[in-house]
Amino acid sequence: AILFMHGGGCVLGDIETHDVLCRTLCHDTGATVFSLDYRLAPEHPFPAAVEDTVAALTWLSHEAAGLGLDPQRLAVAGDSAGAGLAAVALHETKGQLASPVRAQALIYPALDLRGRLPSRQEFANHFPIPRDMIHWFFGHYFGPAWPFTDARAIPSLYEDYTGLPPALIITAGHDPLRDEGAEYAETLAAAGVPVEYECCEGTIHGFMNMGRVLRTAHGWGRRRVGAWLAERLGKA
């Protein structure tokens, strides 16, 4: 099974916006995909989305057998803010699941609200998430006091990465979030976590939901994620 968290800055998006991507993952992996309709800001600010993701992952791990699924064949995946939620949930549930999660697929993940890495400045005015929009998302999700010391908002602040599942991290070459995905891949690798990192050059944030205009990147990304998860889970 795959637990999928959609993107949208924890403010926008839902099951419908990522339905095609989830259906593709289901087709390519043979796995049952659970797409989480977590609570959104501003009605439900941080850490509501984290809490929902942790609860869903914990529930799915412990209830998988009762659903006719193999609890030892569980992966998490997400894009953008959803990928950040997936990464955080794996830290927050360490030692609490029925079986270890087998894989994590993080697609252009949002992992660091501090904006300290070069790609944030290099692509500060680039479509579709310029700096002003990123700050708009953060303002709604985090409120007036951004949690600069909370690992649930910045997973690179966690101190222990050992035991996390193998990761596939995909970024976009013209994305302000590119460098935080690359940095997280390096952090995982330094802790001994098997990591495959790929940057899709020449494309932008959200390309895996832009099949009508970015057909090549969109097709490559979906095939890459699906094939990797199928290999890690063992296609049914």
C-alpha atoms as a PDB file:
ATOM      1  CA  ALA A   1       0.000   0.000   0.000  1.00  0.00           C
ATOM      2  CA  ILE A   2       1.025   3.604  -0.548  1.00  0.00           C
ATOM      3  CA  LEU A   3      -0.034   6.528   1.637  1.00  0.00           C
ATOM      4  CA  PHE A   4       0.002   9.665  -0.523  1.00  0.00           C
ATOM      5  CA  MET A   5      -0.063  13.280   0.695  1.00  0.00           C
ATOM      6  CA  HIS A   6      -1.007  15.930  -1.863  1.00  0.00           C
ATOM      7  CA  GLY A   7       0.722  19.252  -2.328  1.00  0.00           C
ATOM      8  CA  GLY A   8      -0.738  22.736  -2.088  1.00  0.00           C
ATOM      9  CA  GLY A   9       1.175  24.387   0.736  1.00  0.00           C
ATOM     10  CA  CYS A  10      -1.114  22.770   3.331  1.00  0.00           C
ATOM     11  CA  VAL A  11      -3.616  25.430   2.208  1.00  0.00           C
ATOM     12  CA  LEU A  12      -4.821  24.218  -1.208  1.00  0.00           C
ATOM     13  CA  GLY A  13      -5.323  20.888  -2.928  1.00  0.00           C
ATOM     14  CA  ASP A  14      -7.305  17.784  -2.137  1.00  0.00           C
ATOM     15  CA  ILE A  15      -7.864  14.216  -3.252  1.00  0.00           C
ATOM     16  CA  GLU A  16      -9.297  15.373  -6.595  1.00  0.00           C
ATOM     17  CA  THR A  17      -6.350  17.587  -7.575  1.00  0.00           C
ATOM     18  CA  HIS A  18      -4.001  14.607  -7.352  1.00  0.00           C
ATOM     19  CA  ASP A  19      -6.389  11.856  -8.418  1.00  0.00           C
ATOM     20  CA  VAL A  20      -4.687  11.176 -11.759  1.00  0.00           C
ATOM     21  CA  LEU A  21      -1.262  10.943 -10.130  1.00  0.00           C
ATOM     22  CA  CYS A  22      -2.559   8.528  -7.499  1.00  0.00           C
ATOM     23  CA  ARG A  23      -4.333   6.413 -10.112  1.00  0.00           C
ATOM     24  CA  THR A  24      -1.099   6.253 -12.095  1.00  0.00           C
ATOM     25  CA  LEU A  25       0.827   5.116  -9.013  1.00  0.00           C
ATOM     26  CA  CYS A  26      -1.798   2.455  -8.390  1.00  0.00           C
ATOM     27  CA  HIS A  27      -1.545   1.229 -11.984  1.00  0.00           C
ATOM     28  CA  ASP A  28       2.252   1.260 -12.104  1.00  0.00           C
ATOM     29  CA  THR A  29       2.855  -0.395  -8.733  1.00  0.00           C
ATOM     30  CA  GLY A  30      -0.110  -2.723  -8.304  1.00  0.00           C
ATOM     31  CA  ALA A  31      -0.454  -1.260  -4.813  1.00  0.00           C
ATOM     32  CA  THR A  32      -3.515   0.155  -3.101  1.00  0.00           C
ATOM     33  CA  VAL A  33      -3.087   3.937  -2.831  1.00  0.00           C
ATOM     34  CA  PHE A  34      -4.567   5.859   0.084  1.00  0.00           C
ATOM     35  CA  SER A  35      -4.761   9.580  -0.722  1.00  0.00           C
ATOM     36  CA  LEU A  36      -5.086  11.566   2.492  1.00  0.00           C
ATOM     37  CA  ASP A  37      -7.566  14.449   2.683  1.00  0.00           C
ATOM     38  CA  TYR A  38      -5.750  16.114   5.579  1.00  0.00           C
ATOM     39  CA  ARG A  39      -6.967  19.295   7.236  1.00  0.00           C
ATOM     40  CA  LEU A  40      -5.958  22.550   5.533  1.00  0.00           C
ATOM     41  CA  ALA A  41      -4.998  26.005   6.766  1.00  0.00           C
ATOM     42  CA  PRO A  42      -5.978  28.677   7.612  1.00  0.00           C
ATOM     43  CA  GLU A  43      -8.920  26.939   9.278  1.00  0.00           C
ATOM     44  CA  HIS A  44      -6.535  24.277  10.588  1.00  0.00           C
ATOM     45  CA  PRO A  45      -3.031  25.746  10.958  1.00  0.00           C
ATOM     46  CA  PHE A  46       0.237  23.982  11.777  1.00  0.00           C
ATOM     47  CA  PRO A  47       0.616  21.311  13.051  1.00  0.00           C
ATOM     48  CA  ALA A  48      -2.825  19.979  12.033  1.00  0.00           C
ATOM     49  CA  ALA A  49      -1.638  18.548   8.701  1.00  0.00           C
ATOM     50  CA  VAL A  50       1.305  16.859  10.427  1.00  0.00           C
ATOM     51  CA  GLU A  51      -0.979  15.349  13.051  1.00  0.00           C
ATOM     52  CA  ASP A  52      -3.344  14.015  10.385  1.00  0.00           C
ATOM     53  CA  THR A  53      -0.490  12.462   8.415  1.00  0.00           C
ATOM     54  CA  VAL A  54       1.014  10.829  11.496  1.00  0.00           C
ATOM     55  CA  ALA A  55      -2.402   9.482  12.495  1.00  0.00           C
ATOM     56  CA  ALA A  56      -3.072   8.132   8.994  1.00  0.00           C
ATOM     57  CA  LEU A  57       0.313   6.423   8.713  1.00  0.00           C
ATOM     58  CA  THR A  58      -0.051   4.883  12.165  1.00  0.00           C
ATOM     59  CA  TRP A  59      -3.581   3.688  11.411  1.00  0.00           C
ATOM     60  CA  LEU A  60      -2.660   2.228   8.027  1.00  0.00           C
ATOM     61  CA  SER A  61       0.343   0.387   9.424  1.00  0.00           C
ATOM     62  CA  HIS A  62      -1.658  -1.248  12.199  1.00  0.00           C
ATOM     63  CA  GLU A  63      -4.849  -1.876  10.214  1.00  0.00           C
ATOM     64  CA  ALA A  64      -3.339  -3.008   6.905  1.00  0.00           C
ATOM     65  CA  ALA A  65      -3.744  -6.717   7.605  1.00  0.00           C
ATOM     66  CA  GLY A  66      -7.421  -6.237   8.431  1.00  0.00           C
ATOM     67  CA  LEU A  67      -7.849  -4.489   5.086  1.00  0.00           C
ATOM     68  CA  GLY A  68      -6.342  -7.439   3.257  1.00  0.00           C
ATOM     69  CA  LEU A  69      -3.025  -5.639   2.733  1.00  0.00           C
ATOM     70  CA  ASP A  70       0.509  -6.612   3.664  1.00  0.00           C
ATOM     71  CA  PRO A  71       1.716  -4.323   6.497  1.00  0.00           C
ATOM     72  CA  GLN A  72       5.294  -5.080   5.461  1.00  0.00           C
ATOM     73  CA  ARG A  73       4.689  -3.609   1.986  1.00  0.00           C
ATOM     74  CA  LEU A  74       3.913  -0.015   2.924  1.00  0.00           C
ATOM     75  CA  ALA A  75       5.352   3.140   1.351  1.00  0.00           C
ATOM     76  CA  VAL A  76       4.718   6.855   1.738  1.00  0.00           C
ATOM     77  CA  ALA A  77       4.765   9.404  -1.055  1.00  0.00           C
ATOM     78  CA  GLY A  78       3.841  12.998  -1.650  1.00  0.00           C
ATOM     79  CA  ASP A  79       4.543  16.089  -3.671  1.00  0.00           C
ATOM     80  CA  SER A  80       5.565  19.565  -2.532  1.00  0.00           C
ATOM     81  CA  ALA A  81       4.093  20.243   0.920  1.00  0.00           C
ATOM     82  CA  GLY A  82       2.713  16.707   0.935  1.00  0.00           C
ATOM     83  CA  ALA A  83       6.225  15.337   0.490  1.00  0.00           C
ATOM     84  CA  GLY A  84       7.292  17.379   3.494  1.00  0.00           C
ATOM     85  CA  LEU A  85       4.454  15.880   5.507  1.00  0.00           C
ATOM     86  CA  ALA A  86       5.524  12.396   4.435  1.00  0.00           C
ATOM     87  CA  ALA A  87       9.106  13.046   5.522  1.00  0.00           C
ATOM     88  CA  VAL A  88       8.027  14.399   8.904  1.00  0.00           C
ATOM     89  CA  ALA A  89       5.582  11.553   9.552  1.00  0.00           C
ATOM     90  CA  LEU A  90       8.358   9.004   9.107  1.00  0.00           C
ATOM     91  CA  HIS A  91      10.370  10.718  11.823  1.00  0.00           C
ATOM     92  CA  GLU A  92       7.395  11.136  14.136  1.00  0.00           C
ATOM     93  CA  THR A  93       6.328   7.483  13.886  1.00  0.00           C
ATOM     94  CA  LYS A  94       9.722   5.817  14.276  1.00  0.00           C
ATOM     95  CA  GLY A  95       9.332   2.753  16.470  1.00  0.00           C
ATOM     96  CA  GLN A  96       5.539   3.083  16.599  1.00  0.00           C
ATOM     97  CA  LEU A  97       4.448   1.233  13.456  1.00  0.00           C
ATOM     98  CA  ALA A  98       3.502  -2.411  13.035  1.00  0.00           C
ATOM     99  CA  SER A  99       6.288  -2.860  10.473  1.00  0.00           C
ATOM    100  CA  PRO A 100       8.948  -0.535   9.064  1.00  0.00           C
ATOM    101  CA  VAL A 101       7.863   1.546   6.084  1.00  0.00           C
ATOM    102  CA  ARG A 102       9.579   0.146   3.019  1.00  0.00           C
ATOM    103  CA  ALA A 103      10.042   3.286   0.895  1.00  0.00           C
ATOM    104  CA  GLN A 104       9.503   7.041   0.694  1.00  0.00           C
ATOM    105  CA  ALA A 105       9.049   8.939  -2.573  1.00  0.00           C
ATOM    106  CA  LEU A 106       9.372  12.704  -2.159  1.00  0.00           C
ATOM    107  CA  ILE A 107       8.475  14.742  -5.238  1.00  0.00           C
ATOM    108  CA  TYR A 108       9.854  18.322  -5.277  1.00  0.00           C
ATOM    109  CA  PRO A 109       9.496  18.348  -1.480  1.00  0.00           C
ATOM    110  CA  ALA A 110       8.918  21.448   0.665  1.00  0.00           C
ATOM    111  CA  LEU A 111      11.250  20.865   3.593  1.00  0.00           C
ATOM    112  CA  ASP A 112      12.646  24.160   4.899  1.00  0.00           C
ATOM    113  CA  LEU A 113      10.690  27.345   5.566  1.00  0.00           C
ATOM    114  CA  ARG A 114      13.855  29.354   6.297  1.00  0.00           C
ATOM    115  CA  GLY A 115      14.564  30.189   2.647  1.00  0.00           C
ATOM    116  CA  ARG A 116      18.326  30.061   3.200  1.00  0.00           C
ATOM    117  CA  LEU A 117      19.369  27.997   0.158  1.00  0.00           C
ATOM    118  CA  PRO A 118      20.448  29.460  -3.217  1.00  0.00           C
ATOM    119  CA  SER A 119      17.519  28.183  -5.296  1.00  0.00           C
ATOM    120  CA  ARG A 120      15.110  30.203  -3.160  1.00  0.00           C
ATOM    121  CA  GLN A 121      16.842  33.379  -4.309  1.00  0.00           C
ATOM    122  CA  GLU A 122      17.646  32.203  -7.838  1.00  0.00           C
ATOM    123  CA  PHE A 123      14.001  31.437  -8.632  1.00  0.00           C
ATOM    124  CA  ALA A 124      12.354  33.909  -6.265  1.00  0.00           C
ATOM    125  CA  ASN A 125      10.210  35.343  -9.056  1.00  0.00           C
ATOM    126  CA  HIS A 126       9.560  32.175 -11.029  1.00  0.00           C
ATOM    127  CA  PHE A 127       6.217  30.581 -11.882  1.00  0.00           C
ATOM    128  CA  PRO A 128       4.350  28.844 -10.310  1.00  0.00           C
ATOM    129  CA  ILE A 129       5.545  29.523  -6.741  1.00  0.00           C
ATOM    130  CA  PRO A 130       7.374  32.862  -6.496  1.00  0.00           C
ATOM    131  CA  ARG A 131       8.589  34.057  -3.117  1.00  0.00           C
ATOM    132  CA  ASP A 132       5.417  36.042  -2.392  1.00  0.00           C
ATOM    133  CA  MET A 133       3.267  32.964  -2.926  1.00  0.00           C
ATOM    134  CA  ILE A 134       5.518  30.798  -0.757  1.00  0.00           C
ATOM    135  CA  HIS A 135       5.225  33.381   2.022  1.00  0.00           C
ATOM    136  CA  TRP A 136       1.454  33.470   1.492  1.00  0.00           C
ATOM    137  CA  PHE A 137       1.306  29.716   2.066  1.00  0.00           C
ATOM    138  CA  PHE A 138       3.515  29.963   5.149  1.00  0.00           C
ATOM    139  CA  GLY A 139       1.464  32.829   6.552  1.00  0.00           C
ATOM    140  CA  HIS A 140      -1.729  30.799   6.329  1.00  0.00           C
ATOM    141  CA  TYR A 141      -0.234  27.535   7.566  1.00  0.00           C
ATOM    142  CA  PHE A 142       2.158  28.745  10.248  1.00  0.00           C
ATOM    143  CA  GLY A 143       0.425  31.970  11.268  1.00  0.00           C
ATOM    144  CA  PRO A 144       2.311  35.072  12.422  1.00  0.00           C
ATOM    145  CA  ALA A 145       5.011  33.167  14.343  1.00  0.00           C
ATOM    146  CA  TRP A 146       6.850  30.804  11.993  1.00  0.00           C
ATOM    147  CA  PRO A 147       8.259  27.753  13.834  1.00  0.00           C
ATOM    148  CA  PHE A 148      11.923  28.124  12.898  1.00  0.00           C
ATOM    149  CA  THR A 149      13.062  25.635  15.549  1.00  0.00           C
ATOM    150  CA  ASP A 150      10.381  22.951  15.119  1.00  0.00           C
ATOM    151  CA  ALA A 151      11.514  19.851  13.231  1.00  0.00           C
ATOM    152  CA  ARG A 152       7.906  19.184  12.235  1.00  0.00           C
ATOM    153  CA  ALA A 153       8.224  22.270  10.026  1.00  0.00           C
ATOM    154  CA  ILE A 154      11.889  21.771   9.082  1.00  0.00           C
ATOM    155  CA  PRO A 155      12.715  18.044   9.026  1.00  0.00           C
ATOM    156  CA  SER A 156      16.428  18.748   8.616  1.00  0.00           C
ATOM    157  CA  LEU A 157      16.315  19.739  12.300  1.00  0.00           C
ATOM    158  CA  TYR A 158      15.693  16.147  13.366  1.00  0.00           C
ATOM    159  CA  GLU A 159      18.808  14.735  14.990  1.00  0.00           C
ATOM    160  CA  ASP A 160      18.447  11.048  14.101  1.00  0.00           C
ATOM    161  CA  TYR A 161      17.894   9.782  10.561  1.00  0.00           C
ATOM    162  CA  THR A 162      18.899   6.188  11.130  1.00  0.00           C
ATOM    163  CA  GLY A 163      16.320   3.568  10.297  1.00  0.00           C
ATOM    164  CA  LEU A 164      14.370   5.706   7.835  1.00  0.00           C
ATOM    165  CA  PRO A 165      13.256   3.885   4.679  1.00  0.00           C
ATOM    166  CA  PRO A 166      15.030   4.122   1.322  1.00  0.00           C
ATOM    167  CA  ALA A 167      14.165   7.350  -0.452  1.00  0.00           C
ATOM    168  CA  LEU A 168      13.583   8.595  -3.963  1.00  0.00           C
ATOM    169  CA  ILE A 169      13.771  12.386  -4.085  1.00  0.00           C
ATOM    170  CA  ILE A 170      12.928  14.202  -7.310  1.00  0.00           C
ATOM    171  CA  THR A 171      13.334  17.943  -7.775  1.00  0.00           C
ATOM    172  CA  ALA A 172      12.784  20.380 -10.643  1.00  0.00           C
ATOM    173  CA  GLY A 173      15.683  22.364 -12.060  1.00  0.00           C
ATOM    174  CA  HIS A 174      13.847  25.712 -12.046  1.00  0.00           C
ATOM    175  CA  ASP A 175      12.156  25.373  -8.671  1.00  0.00           C
ATOM    176  CA  PRO A 176      12.814  27.504  -5.579  1.00  0.00           C
ATOM    177  CA  LEU A 177      12.477  24.295  -3.544  1.00  0.00           C
ATOM    178  CA  ARG A 178      15.136  22.450  -5.555  1.00  0.00           C
ATOM    179  CA  ASP A 179      18.021  22.862  -3.127  1.00  0.00           C
ATOM    180  CA  GLU A 180      16.138  21.788  -0.011  1.00  0.00           C
ATOM    181  CA  GLY A 181      15.286  18.507  -1.712  1.00  0.00           C
ATOM    182  CA  ALA A 182      18.913  18.033  -2.720  1.00  0.00           C
ATOM    183  CA  GLU A 183      20.119  18.892   0.784  1.00  0.00           C
ATOM    184  CA  TYR A 184      17.706  16.445   2.390  1.00  0.00           C
ATOM    185  CA  ALA A 185      18.924  13.712   0.050  1.00  0.00           C
ATOM    186  CA  GLU A 186      22.480  14.420   1.200  1.00  0.00           C
ATOM    187  CA  THR A 187      21.403  14.361   4.850  1.00  0.00           C
ATOM    188  CA  LEU A 188      19.694  10.996   4.465  1.00  0.00           C
ATOM    189  CA  ALA A 189      22.649   9.541   2.580  1.00  0.00           C
ATOM    190  CA  ALA A 190      25.075  10.755   5.252  1.00  0.00           C
ATOM    191  CA  ALA A 191      23.000   8.854   7.832  1.00  0.00           C
ATOM    192  CA  GLY A 192      23.264   5.665   5.795  1.00  0.00           C
ATOM    193  CA  VAL A 193      19.767   5.770   4.302  1.00  0.00           C
ATOM    194  CA  PRO A 194      19.711   4.477   0.691  1.00  0.00           C
ATOM    195  CA  VAL A 195      18.815   7.462  -1.487  1.00  0.00           C
ATOM    196  CA  GLU A 196      18.225   8.030  -5.172  1.00  0.00           C
ATOM    197  CA  TYR A 197      18.144  11.720  -6.071  1.00  0.00           C
ATOM    198  CA  GLU A 198      17.273  13.141  -9.470  1.00  0.00           C
ATOM    199  CA  CYS A 199      16.806  16.714 -10.613  1.00  0.00           C
ATOM    200  CA  CYS A 200      14.628  17.104 -13.693  1.00  0.00           C
ATOM    201  CA  GLU A 201      16.485  19.935 -15.400  1.00  0.00           C
ATOM    202  CA  GLY A 202      14.685  22.604 -17.352  1.00  0.00           C
ATOM    203  CA  THR A 203      11.319  22.170 -15.680  1.00  0.00           C
ATOM    204  CA  ILE A 204       9.373  23.774 -12.857  1.00  0.00           C
ATOM    205  CA  HIS A 205       7.659  23.021  -9.585  1.00  0.00           C
ATOM    206  CA  GLY A 206       4.519  20.954  -9.974  1.00  0.00           C
ATOM    207  CA  PHE A 207       5.480  19.425 -13.326  1.00  0.00           C
ATOM    208  CA  MET A 208       3.980  16.055 -12.459  1.00  0.00           C
ATOM    209  CA  ASN A 209       0.541  17.670 -12.415  1.00  0.00           C
ATOM    210  CA  MET A 210       1.088  19.538 -15.701  1.00  0.00           C
ATOM    211  CA  GLY A 211       0.800  16.760 -18.245  1.00  0.00           C
ATOM    212  CA  ARG A 212      -0.916  18.880 -20.890  1.00  0.00           C
ATOM    213  CA  VAL A 213       1.889  21.442 -21.095  1.00  0.00           C
ATOM    214  CA  LEU A 214       4.965  19.579 -19.810  1.00  0.00           C
ATOM    215  CA  ARG A 215       4.393  16.179 -21.365  1.00  0.00           C
ATOM    216  CA  THR A 216       7.984  14.939 -21.427  1.00  0.00           C
ATOM    217  CA  ALA A 217       8.854  15.844 -17.833  1.00  0.00           C
ATOM    218  CA  HIS A 218       5.441  14.803 -16.603  1.00  0.00           C
ATOM    219  CA  GLY A 219       5.665  11.396 -18.266  1.00  0.00           C
ATOM    220  CA  TRP A 220       9.235  10.786 -17.144  1.00  0.00           C
ATOM    221  CA  GLY A 221       8.459  11.712 -13.537  1.00  0.00           C
ATOM    222  CA  ARG A 222       5.453   9.484 -13.209  1.00  0.00           C
ATOM    223  CA  ARG A 223       7.207   6.530 -14.787  1.00  0.00           C
ATOM    224  CA  ARG A 224      10.251   7.062 -12.579  1.00  0.00           C
ATOM    225  CA  VAL A 225       8.295   7.218  -9.329  1.00  0.00           C
ATOM    226  CA  GLY A 226       6.003   4.341 -10.254  1.00  0.00           C
ATOM    227  CA  ALA A 227       8.835   2.046 -11.310  1.00  0.00           C
ATOM    228  CA  TRP A 228      10.874   2.841  -8.203  1.00  0.00           C
ATOM    229  CA  LEU A 229       7.977   2.204  -5.828  1.00  0.00           C
ATOM    230  CA  ALA A 230       7.032  -0.982  -7.677  1.00  0.00           C
ATOM    231  CA  GLU A 231      10.569  -2.254  -7.246  1.00  0.00           C
ATOM    232  CA  ARG A 232      10.665  -1.404  -3.540  1.00  0.00           C
ATOM    233  CA  LEU A 233       7.237  -2.831  -2.779  1.00  0.00           C
ATOM    234  CA  GLY A 234       7.333  -5.783  -5.145  1.00  0.00           C
ATOM    235  CA  LYS A 235       4.625  -5.338  -7.773  1.00  0.00           C
ATOM    236  CA  ALA A 236       1.584  -7.494  -7.060  1.00  0.00           C
END
